């Protein structure tokens, strides 16, 4: 484990494994860098794989307030800290929003772009939206019961997802209610739709057929607007194809990066 301080003094925890062209992977909300543990070792055979705990998550500092711009600045500072001129970027869920923010502002820093479970805009967080859509089912339930209900709409292979989430929870404490609220606010209100057509980078979008958190239609919209893009739909996945179909996920990523 290593760390650096971002522009505002926030400590960011990261790992770097392997050698070759840099591949920075950015995790989703309520997660941490262990989200990529199962696929990182394979990709590190050919690439320098860099994962990090975004601010407010994992073993990085957890400020009382931050924004999507702060997340983008942290990623940019990671480039500077590691003296990386250009890197492939893989963003999962919230990580895809950070990746889109980075590529729309600093496309020359990005080589190839991989977006997993992505969307191009949001008035509120996807989780807040899905809670509202199923509010009658989760009314008067505990947090654990709410998650069990909503997981039916978010994931396909829930057994694989539970094991994946357990590994993340063993690595770092989960977010408390206040930290979750701060994290959720940080990814609300963004809109990249008018910027997508200007993205010059080769882009791969991966989406799960059973994902109702960020449905396949969201990835399709992005794929239609980014000129040099391709979309892959995973038949046996929901919102976590990297955990639900890891072998195919690694194969698709490797194939794209070799193109």
C-alpha atoms as a PDB file:
ATOM      1  CA  UNK A   1       0.000   0.000   0.000  1.00  0.00           C
ATOM      2  CA  UNK A   2       1.154   3.536  -0.796  1.00  0.00           C
ATOM      3  CA  UNK A   3      -0.374   6.963  -0.426  1.00  0.00           C
ATOM      4  CA  UNK A   4      -0.187  10.537  -1.640  1.00  0.00           C
ATOM      5  CA  UNK A   5      -1.863  13.823  -0.760  1.00  0.00           C
ATOM      6  CA  UNK A   6      -4.214  15.361  -3.271  1.00  0.00           C
ATOM      7  CA  UNK A   7      -4.415  19.067  -4.099  1.00  0.00           C
ATOM      8  CA  UNK A   8      -6.393  19.928  -0.957  1.00  0.00           C
ATOM      9  CA  UNK A   9      -4.357  17.725   1.395  1.00  0.00           C
ATOM     10  CA  UNK A  10      -6.660  14.691   1.307  1.00  0.00           C
ATOM     11  CA  UNK A  11      -4.691  11.448   1.709  1.00  0.00           C
ATOM     12  CA  UNK A  12      -5.377   8.941  -1.085  1.00  0.00           C
ATOM     13  CA  UNK A  13      -4.399   5.290  -0.694  1.00  0.00           C
ATOM     14  CA  UNK A  14      -3.309   3.334  -3.779  1.00  0.00           C
ATOM     15  CA  UNK A  15      -1.639   0.161  -5.078  1.00  0.00           C
ATOM     16  CA  UNK A  16       0.515  -0.357  -8.173  1.00  0.00           C
ATOM     17  CA  UNK A  17       1.096  -3.856  -9.555  1.00  0.00           C
ATOM     18  CA  UNK A  18       2.813  -5.200 -12.657  1.00  0.00           C
ATOM     19  CA  UNK A  19       4.607  -3.374 -15.436  1.00  0.00           C
ATOM     20  CA  UNK A  20       3.871  -2.073 -18.907  1.00  0.00           C
ATOM     21  CA  UNK A  21       1.397   0.525 -20.099  1.00  0.00           C
ATOM     22  CA  UNK A  22      -0.399   2.106 -17.106  1.00  0.00           C
ATOM     23  CA  UNK A  23      -4.007   1.033 -16.477  1.00  0.00           C
ATOM     24  CA  UNK A  24      -5.784   3.021 -13.763  1.00  0.00           C
ATOM     25  CA  UNK A  25      -8.942   1.377 -12.400  1.00  0.00           C
ATOM     26  CA  UNK A  26     -11.483   3.432 -10.444  1.00  0.00           C
ATOM     27  CA  UNK A  27     -13.996   1.673  -8.187  1.00  0.00           C
ATOM     28  CA  UNK A  28     -17.667   2.340  -7.458  1.00  0.00           C
ATOM     29  CA  UNK A  29     -19.509   3.977  -4.577  1.00  0.00           C
ATOM     30  CA  UNK A  30     -19.385   2.229  -1.190  1.00  0.00           C
ATOM     31  CA  UNK A  31     -16.495   0.156  -2.513  1.00  0.00           C
ATOM     32  CA  UNK A  32     -12.726   0.291  -2.432  1.00  0.00           C
ATOM     33  CA  UNK A  33      -9.724  -0.809  -4.470  1.00  0.00           C
ATOM     34  CA  UNK A  34     -10.420  -4.470  -3.570  1.00  0.00           C
ATOM     35  CA  UNK A  35     -13.292  -4.349  -6.079  1.00  0.00           C
ATOM     36  CA  UNK A  36     -10.663  -5.225  -8.685  1.00  0.00           C
ATOM     37  CA  UNK A  37      -8.746  -7.840  -6.697  1.00  0.00           C
ATOM     38  CA  UNK A  38      -9.980 -10.816  -8.710  1.00  0.00           C
ATOM     39  CA  UNK A  39      -9.009  -9.366 -12.095  1.00  0.00           C
ATOM     40  CA  UNK A  40      -6.031  -7.168 -11.209  1.00  0.00           C
ATOM     41  CA  UNK A  41      -3.464  -9.958 -11.046  1.00  0.00           C
ATOM     42  CA  UNK A  42      -4.312 -11.231 -14.535  1.00  0.00           C
ATOM     43  CA  UNK A  43      -4.210  -7.758 -16.090  1.00  0.00           C
ATOM     44  CA  UNK A  44      -0.948  -7.009 -14.257  1.00  0.00           C
ATOM     45  CA  UNK A  45       0.765  -9.695 -16.346  1.00  0.00           C
ATOM     46  CA  UNK A  46       0.775  -7.213 -19.233  1.00  0.00           C
ATOM     47  CA  UNK A  47       0.048  -3.797 -17.704  1.00  0.00           C
ATOM     48  CA  UNK A  48       1.020  -1.623 -14.791  1.00  0.00           C
ATOM     49  CA  UNK A  49      -2.283  -1.779 -12.919  1.00  0.00           C
ATOM     50  CA  UNK A  50      -3.002   1.058 -10.508  1.00  0.00           C
ATOM     51  CA  UNK A  51      -5.985   0.929  -8.167  1.00  0.00           C
ATOM     52  CA  UNK A  52      -6.854   3.408  -5.459  1.00  0.00           C
ATOM     53  CA  UNK A  53      -9.429   4.171  -2.785  1.00  0.00           C
ATOM     54  CA  UNK A  54     -11.303   7.245  -3.955  1.00  0.00           C
ATOM     55  CA  UNK A  55     -11.717   9.915  -1.298  1.00  0.00           C
ATOM     56  CA  UNK A  56     -14.367   9.064   1.250  1.00  0.00           C
ATOM     57  CA  UNK A  57     -13.801   5.327   0.735  1.00  0.00           C
ATOM     58  CA  UNK A  58     -11.552   2.477   1.793  1.00  0.00           C
ATOM     59  CA  UNK A  59      -8.364   3.542   3.545  1.00  0.00           C
ATOM     60  CA  UNK A  60      -8.244   7.004   1.996  1.00  0.00           C
ATOM     61  CA  UNK A  61      -9.289  10.040   4.026  1.00  0.00           C
ATOM     62  CA  UNK A  62     -13.022  10.570   4.454  1.00  0.00           C
ATOM     63  CA  UNK A  63     -13.713  14.322   4.319  1.00  0.00           C
ATOM     64  CA  UNK A  64     -17.022  15.698   5.572  1.00  0.00           C
ATOM     65  CA  UNK A  65     -17.807  17.038   2.113  1.00  0.00           C
ATOM     66  CA  UNK A  66     -16.497  16.614  -1.425  1.00  0.00           C
ATOM     67  CA  UNK A  67     -17.637  16.725  -5.041  1.00  0.00           C
ATOM     68  CA  UNK A  68     -17.208  14.913  -8.332  1.00  0.00           C
ATOM     69  CA  UNK A  69     -14.674  17.593  -9.274  1.00  0.00           C
ATOM     70  CA  UNK A  70     -12.627  16.569  -6.233  1.00  0.00           C
ATOM     71  CA  UNK A  71     -12.676  12.952  -7.452  1.00  0.00           C
ATOM     72  CA  UNK A  72     -11.463  14.053 -10.882  1.00  0.00           C
ATOM     73  CA  UNK A  73      -8.708  16.196  -9.346  1.00  0.00           C
ATOM     74  CA  UNK A  74      -7.586  13.229  -7.212  1.00  0.00           C
ATOM     75  CA  UNK A  75      -7.224  11.046 -10.295  1.00  0.00           C
ATOM     76  CA  UNK A  76      -5.305  13.774 -12.077  1.00  0.00           C
ATOM     77  CA  UNK A  77      -3.029  14.143  -9.041  1.00  0.00           C
ATOM     78  CA  UNK A  78      -2.384  10.380  -9.162  1.00  0.00           C
ATOM     79  CA  UNK A  79      -0.953  10.858 -12.656  1.00  0.00           C
ATOM     80  CA  UNK A  80       1.346  13.576 -11.319  1.00  0.00           C
ATOM     81  CA  UNK A  81       2.399  11.622  -8.230  1.00  0.00           C
ATOM     82  CA  UNK A  82       3.356   8.559 -10.287  1.00  0.00           C
ATOM     83  CA  UNK A  83       4.823  10.647 -13.136  1.00  0.00           C
ATOM     84  CA  UNK A  84       2.397   9.093 -15.631  1.00  0.00           C
ATOM     85  CA  UNK A  85       1.947  11.051 -18.848  1.00  0.00           C
ATOM     86  CA  UNK A  86      -0.856   8.912 -20.275  1.00  0.00           C
ATOM     87  CA  UNK A  87      -2.851   5.884 -19.088  1.00  0.00           C
ATOM     88  CA  UNK A  88      -5.686   3.573 -19.962  1.00  0.00           C
ATOM     89  CA  UNK A  89      -8.626   4.280 -17.642  1.00  0.00           C
ATOM     90  CA  UNK A  90     -11.201   1.751 -16.435  1.00  0.00           C
ATOM     91  CA  UNK A  91     -14.067   3.171 -14.404  1.00  0.00           C
ATOM     92  CA  UNK A  92     -16.742   1.055 -12.725  1.00  0.00           C
ATOM     93  CA  UNK A  93     -20.117   2.651 -11.823  1.00  0.00           C
ATOM     94  CA  UNK A  94     -19.150   5.801  -9.873  1.00  0.00           C
ATOM     95  CA  UNK A  95     -15.660   5.262 -11.251  1.00  0.00           C
ATOM     96  CA  UNK A  96     -17.087   5.613 -14.757  1.00  0.00           C
ATOM     97  CA  UNK A  97     -18.446   9.073 -13.878  1.00  0.00           C
ATOM     98  CA  UNK A  98     -14.988  10.078 -12.664  1.00  0.00           C
ATOM     99  CA  UNK A  99     -13.449   8.606 -15.818  1.00  0.00           C
ATOM    100  CA  UNK A 100     -15.877  10.514 -18.046  1.00  0.00           C
ATOM    101  CA  UNK A 101     -15.112  13.719 -16.192  1.00  0.00           C
ATOM    102  CA  UNK A 102     -11.415  13.122 -16.666  1.00  0.00           C
ATOM    103  CA  UNK A 103     -11.600  12.266 -20.376  1.00  0.00           C
ATOM    104  CA  UNK A 104     -13.932  15.144 -21.276  1.00  0.00           C
ATOM    105  CA  UNK A 105     -11.490  17.624 -19.682  1.00  0.00           C
ATOM    106  CA  UNK A 106      -8.117  15.978 -20.204  1.00  0.00           C
ATOM    107  CA  UNK A 107      -8.487  13.588 -23.138  1.00  0.00           C
ATOM    108  CA  UNK A 108      -4.736  13.723 -23.851  1.00  0.00           C
ATOM    109  CA  UNK A 109      -4.062  12.106 -20.470  1.00  0.00           C
ATOM    110  CA  UNK A 110      -6.208   9.110 -21.432  1.00  0.00           C
ATOM    111  CA  UNK A 111      -5.218   6.397 -23.896  1.00  0.00           C
ATOM    112  CA  UNK A 112      -8.122   3.923 -24.058  1.00  0.00           C
ATOM    113  CA  UNK A 113     -11.267   4.284 -21.958  1.00  0.00           C
ATOM    114  CA  UNK A 114     -13.315   1.454 -20.420  1.00  0.00           C
ATOM    115  CA  UNK A 115     -16.661   2.259 -18.804  1.00  0.00           C
ATOM    116  CA  UNK A 116     -18.492  -0.404 -16.788  1.00  0.00           C
ATOM    117  CA  UNK A 117     -22.070   0.045 -15.575  1.00  0.00           C
ATOM    118  CA  UNK A 118     -21.948   3.653 -16.697  1.00  0.00           C
ATOM    119  CA  UNK A 119     -24.332   6.538 -17.238  1.00  0.00           C
ATOM    120  CA  UNK A 120     -23.822   9.979 -18.728  1.00  0.00           C
ATOM    121  CA  UNK A 121     -25.938  12.113 -16.390  1.00  0.00           C
ATOM    122  CA  UNK A 122     -27.780  12.072 -13.083  1.00  0.00           C
ATOM    123  CA  UNK A 123     -30.051  14.399 -11.172  1.00  0.00           C
ATOM    124  CA  UNK A 124     -29.749  12.083  -8.139  1.00  0.00           C
ATOM    125  CA  UNK A 125     -27.636   9.008  -7.448  1.00  0.00           C
ATOM    126  CA  UNK A 126     -28.754   5.776  -9.107  1.00  0.00           C
ATOM    127  CA  UNK A 127     -29.267   4.135  -5.720  1.00  0.00           C
ATOM    128  CA  UNK A 128     -31.522   6.961  -4.506  1.00  0.00           C
ATOM    129  CA  UNK A 129     -33.534   6.602  -7.721  1.00  0.00           C
ATOM    130  CA  UNK A 130     -33.974   2.832  -7.395  1.00  0.00           C
ATOM    131  CA  UNK A 131     -34.993   3.228  -3.746  1.00  0.00           C
ATOM    132  CA  UNK A 132     -37.733   5.603  -4.828  1.00  0.00           C
ATOM    133  CA  UNK A 133     -38.886   3.238  -7.571  1.00  0.00           C
ATOM    134  CA  UNK A 134     -39.254   0.376  -5.074  1.00  0.00           C
ATOM    135  CA  UNK A 135     -40.235   2.364  -2.000  1.00  0.00           C
ATOM    136  CA  UNK A 136     -43.375   0.299  -1.400  1.00  0.00           C
ATOM    137  CA  UNK A 137     -41.283  -2.892  -1.193  1.00  0.00           C
ATOM    138  CA  UNK A 138     -38.722  -1.496   1.233  1.00  0.00           C
ATOM    139  CA  UNK A 139     -41.043   0.499   3.464  1.00  0.00           C
ATOM    140  CA  UNK A 140     -40.364  -0.062   7.196  1.00  0.00           C
ATOM    141  CA  UNK A 141     -37.504  -2.483   6.486  1.00  0.00           C
ATOM    142  CA  UNK A 142     -34.046  -2.415   8.084  1.00  0.00           C
ATOM    143  CA  UNK A 143     -31.021  -1.353   6.055  1.00  0.00           C
ATOM    144  CA  UNK A 144     -29.985  -4.983   5.617  1.00  0.00           C
ATOM    145  CA  UNK A 145     -33.469  -5.953   4.444  1.00  0.00           C
ATOM    146  CA  UNK A 146     -33.585  -2.993   2.046  1.00  0.00           C
ATOM    147  CA  UNK A 147     -30.328  -4.076   0.445  1.00  0.00           C
ATOM    148  CA  UNK A 148     -31.556  -7.655   0.109  1.00  0.00           C
ATOM    149  CA  UNK A 149     -34.670  -6.446  -1.722  1.00  0.00           C
ATOM    150  CA  UNK A 150     -32.859  -4.020  -4.017  1.00  0.00           C
ATOM    151  CA  UNK A 151     -30.097  -6.489  -4.861  1.00  0.00           C
ATOM    152  CA  UNK A 152     -32.753  -8.432  -6.809  1.00  0.00           C
ATOM    153  CA  UNK A 153     -32.941  -5.488  -9.210  1.00  0.00           C
ATOM    154  CA  UNK A 154     -29.244  -4.644  -9.260  1.00  0.00           C
ATOM    155  CA  UNK A 155     -27.397  -7.969  -9.616  1.00  0.00           C
ATOM    156  CA  UNK A 156     -27.895 -11.284 -11.416  1.00  0.00           C
ATOM    157  CA  UNK A 157     -25.503 -13.666  -9.630  1.00  0.00           C
ATOM    158  CA  UNK A 158     -26.011 -12.579  -6.042  1.00  0.00           C
ATOM    159  CA  UNK A 159     -23.834 -15.348  -4.569  1.00  0.00           C
ATOM    160  CA  UNK A 160     -20.783 -14.141  -6.493  1.00  0.00           C
ATOM    161  CA  UNK A 161     -21.586 -10.552  -5.579  1.00  0.00           C
ATOM    162  CA  UNK A 162     -21.838 -11.357  -1.859  1.00  0.00           C
ATOM    163  CA  UNK A 163     -18.402 -13.009  -1.882  1.00  0.00           C
ATOM    164  CA  UNK A 164     -17.003 -10.018  -3.772  1.00  0.00           C
ATOM    165  CA  UNK A 165     -18.518  -7.556  -1.305  1.00  0.00           C
ATOM    166  CA  UNK A 166     -17.268  -9.615   1.649  1.00  0.00           C
ATOM    167  CA  UNK A 167     -13.680  -9.287   0.407  1.00  0.00           C
ATOM    168  CA  UNK A 168     -14.088  -5.519   0.205  1.00  0.00           C
ATOM    169  CA  UNK A 169     -15.537  -5.324   3.710  1.00  0.00           C
ATOM    170  CA  UNK A 170     -12.630  -7.330   5.145  1.00  0.00           C
ATOM    171  CA  UNK A 171     -10.179  -4.849   3.646  1.00  0.00           C
ATOM    172  CA  UNK A 172     -11.805  -1.697   5.024  1.00  0.00           C
ATOM    173  CA  UNK A 173     -14.699  -0.613   7.202  1.00  0.00           C
ATOM    174  CA  UNK A 174     -17.893   0.189   5.352  1.00  0.00           C
ATOM    175  CA  UNK A 175     -19.226   3.724   5.147  1.00  0.00           C
ATOM    176  CA  UNK A 176     -21.484   4.897   7.945  1.00  0.00           C
ATOM    177  CA  UNK A 177     -24.771   6.678   7.205  1.00  0.00           C
ATOM    178  CA  UNK A 178     -23.211  10.154   7.081  1.00  0.00           C
ATOM    179  CA  UNK A 179     -20.333   9.003   4.877  1.00  0.00           C
ATOM    180  CA  UNK A 180     -22.770   7.313   2.514  1.00  0.00           C
ATOM    181  CA  UNK A 181     -24.791  10.526   2.242  1.00  0.00           C
ATOM    182  CA  UNK A 182     -21.665  12.553   1.439  1.00  0.00           C
ATOM    183  CA  UNK A 183     -20.573   9.996  -1.184  1.00  0.00           C
ATOM    184  CA  UNK A 184     -24.026   9.970  -2.756  1.00  0.00           C
ATOM    185  CA  UNK A 185     -24.190  13.778  -2.949  1.00  0.00           C
ATOM    186  CA  UNK A 186     -20.802  13.898  -4.630  1.00  0.00           C
ATOM    187  CA  UNK A 187     -22.110  12.024  -7.690  1.00  0.00           C
ATOM    188  CA  UNK A 188     -25.429  13.801  -8.115  1.00  0.00           C
ATOM    189  CA  UNK A 189     -26.196  16.470 -10.682  1.00  0.00           C
ATOM    190  CA  UNK A 190     -23.579  15.744 -13.340  1.00  0.00           C
ATOM    191  CA  UNK A 191     -24.298  15.756 -17.087  1.00  0.00           C
ATOM    192  CA  UNK A 192     -21.760  14.794 -19.764  1.00  0.00           C
ATOM    193  CA  UNK A 193     -24.225  14.296 -22.616  1.00  0.00           C
ATOM    194  CA  UNK A 194     -23.101  17.374 -24.546  1.00  0.00           C
ATOM    195  CA  UNK A 195     -19.442  16.420 -24.170  1.00  0.00           C
ATOM    196  CA  UNK A 196     -19.526  12.798 -25.345  1.00  0.00           C
ATOM    197  CA  UNK A 197     -19.308  13.525 -29.065  1.00  0.00           C
ATOM    198  CA  UNK A 198     -16.000  15.316 -28.430  1.00  0.00           C
ATOM    199  CA  UNK A 199     -14.329  12.311 -26.776  1.00  0.00           C
ATOM    200  CA  UNK A 200     -11.618  11.156 -29.221  1.00  0.00           C
ATOM    201  CA  UNK A 201     -10.459   8.134 -27.239  1.00  0.00           C
ATOM    202  CA  UNK A 202     -11.226   4.520 -28.209  1.00  0.00           C
ATOM    203  CA  UNK A 203     -13.902   3.489 -25.708  1.00  0.00           C
ATOM    204  CA  UNK A 204     -15.291   0.148 -24.533  1.00  0.00           C
ATOM    205  CA  UNK A 205     -18.583   0.055 -22.653  1.00  0.00           C
ATOM    206  CA  UNK A 206     -19.522  -3.044 -20.644  1.00  0.00           C
ATOM    207  CA  UNK A 207     -23.034  -3.447 -19.278  1.00  0.00           C
ATOM    208  CA  UNK A 208     -25.011  -6.248 -17.627  1.00  0.00           C
ATOM    209  CA  UNK A 209     -28.331  -7.285 -19.150  1.00  0.00           C
ATOM    210  CA  UNK A 210     -29.950  -7.476 -15.690  1.00  0.00           C
ATOM    211  CA  UNK A 211     -28.668  -4.150 -14.350  1.00  0.00           C
ATOM    212  CA  UNK A 212     -31.536  -1.922 -13.247  1.00  0.00           C
ATOM    213  CA  UNK A 213     -29.277   0.461 -11.323  1.00  0.00           C
ATOM    214  CA  UNK A 214     -27.582   1.802 -14.462  1.00  0.00           C
ATOM    215  CA  UNK A 215     -29.501  -0.099 -17.148  1.00  0.00           C
ATOM    216  CA  UNK A 216     -27.962  -1.097 -20.509  1.00  0.00           C
ATOM    217  CA  UNK A 217     -29.813   1.787 -22.163  1.00  0.00           C
ATOM    218  CA  UNK A 218     -27.520   4.197 -20.307  1.00  0.00           C
ATOM    219  CA  UNK A 219     -24.432   2.583 -21.828  1.00  0.00           C
ATOM    220  CA  UNK A 220     -26.100   2.455 -25.232  1.00  0.00           C
ATOM    221  CA  UNK A 221     -26.651   6.226 -25.112  1.00  0.00           C
ATOM    222  CA  UNK A 222     -22.973   6.804 -24.383  1.00  0.00           C
ATOM    223  CA  UNK A 223     -21.893   4.378 -27.113  1.00  0.00           C
ATOM    224  CA  UNK A 224     -24.036   6.179 -29.686  1.00  0.00           C
ATOM    225  CA  UNK A 225     -22.444   9.531 -28.860  1.00  0.00           C
ATOM    226  CA  UNK A 226     -18.754   8.656 -28.459  1.00  0.00           C
ATOM    227  CA  UNK A 227     -17.477   8.302 -32.052  1.00  0.00           C
ATOM    228  CA  UNK A 228     -14.900   5.530 -31.539  1.00  0.00           C
ATOM    229  CA  UNK A 229     -16.768   3.271 -29.133  1.00  0.00           C
ATOM    230  CA  UNK A 230     -18.030  -0.279 -28.807  1.00  0.00           C
ATOM    231  CA  UNK A 231     -20.583  -1.817 -26.464  1.00  0.00           C
ATOM    232  CA  UNK A 232     -20.578  -5.305 -24.945  1.00  0.00           C
ATOM    233  CA  UNK A 233     -23.607  -6.658 -23.066  1.00  0.00           C
ATOM    234  CA  UNK A 234     -23.083  -9.428 -20.507  1.00  0.00           C
ATOM    235  CA  UNK A 235     -25.985 -11.879 -20.537  1.00  0.00           C
ATOM    236  CA  UNK A 236     -25.458 -13.277 -17.033  1.00  0.00           C
ATOM    237  CA  UNK A 237     -24.651 -10.077 -15.158  1.00  0.00           C
ATOM    238  CA  UNK A 238     -26.348  -7.215 -13.431  1.00  0.00           C
ATOM    239  CA  UNK A 239     -24.458  -4.165 -12.206  1.00  0.00           C
ATOM    240  CA  UNK A 240     -21.218  -6.047 -11.441  1.00  0.00           C
ATOM    241  CA  UNK A 241     -20.016  -7.924 -14.558  1.00  0.00           C
ATOM    242  CA  UNK A 242     -16.449  -7.803 -13.226  1.00  0.00           C
ATOM    243  CA  UNK A 243     -17.600 -10.006 -10.316  1.00  0.00           C
ATOM    244  CA  UNK A 244     -20.480 -11.898 -11.941  1.00  0.00           C
ATOM    245  CA  UNK A 245     -18.642 -12.923 -15.130  1.00  0.00           C
ATOM    246  CA  UNK A 246     -14.976 -12.253 -14.283  1.00  0.00           C
ATOM    247  CA  UNK A 247     -13.420 -14.540 -16.907  1.00  0.00           C
ATOM    248  CA  UNK A 248     -15.321 -12.937 -19.762  1.00  0.00           C
ATOM    249  CA  UNK A 249     -14.734  -9.492 -18.271  1.00  0.00           C
ATOM    250  CA  UNK A 250     -10.952  -9.921 -18.274  1.00  0.00           C
ATOM    251  CA  UNK A 251     -11.050 -11.370 -21.802  1.00  0.00           C
ATOM    252  CA  UNK A 252     -13.034  -8.405 -23.151  1.00  0.00           C
ATOM    253  CA  UNK A 253     -10.760  -5.871 -21.463  1.00  0.00           C
ATOM    254  CA  UNK A 254      -7.594  -7.590 -22.701  1.00  0.00           C
ATOM    255  CA  UNK A 255      -8.942  -7.872 -26.241  1.00  0.00           C
ATOM    256  CA  UNK A 256      -9.891  -4.191 -26.307  1.00  0.00           C
ATOM    257  CA  UNK A 257      -6.545  -2.990 -24.930  1.00  0.00           C
ATOM    258  CA  UNK A 258      -4.667  -5.092 -27.518  1.00  0.00           C
ATOM    259  CA  UNK A 259      -6.599  -3.600 -30.454  1.00  0.00           C
END
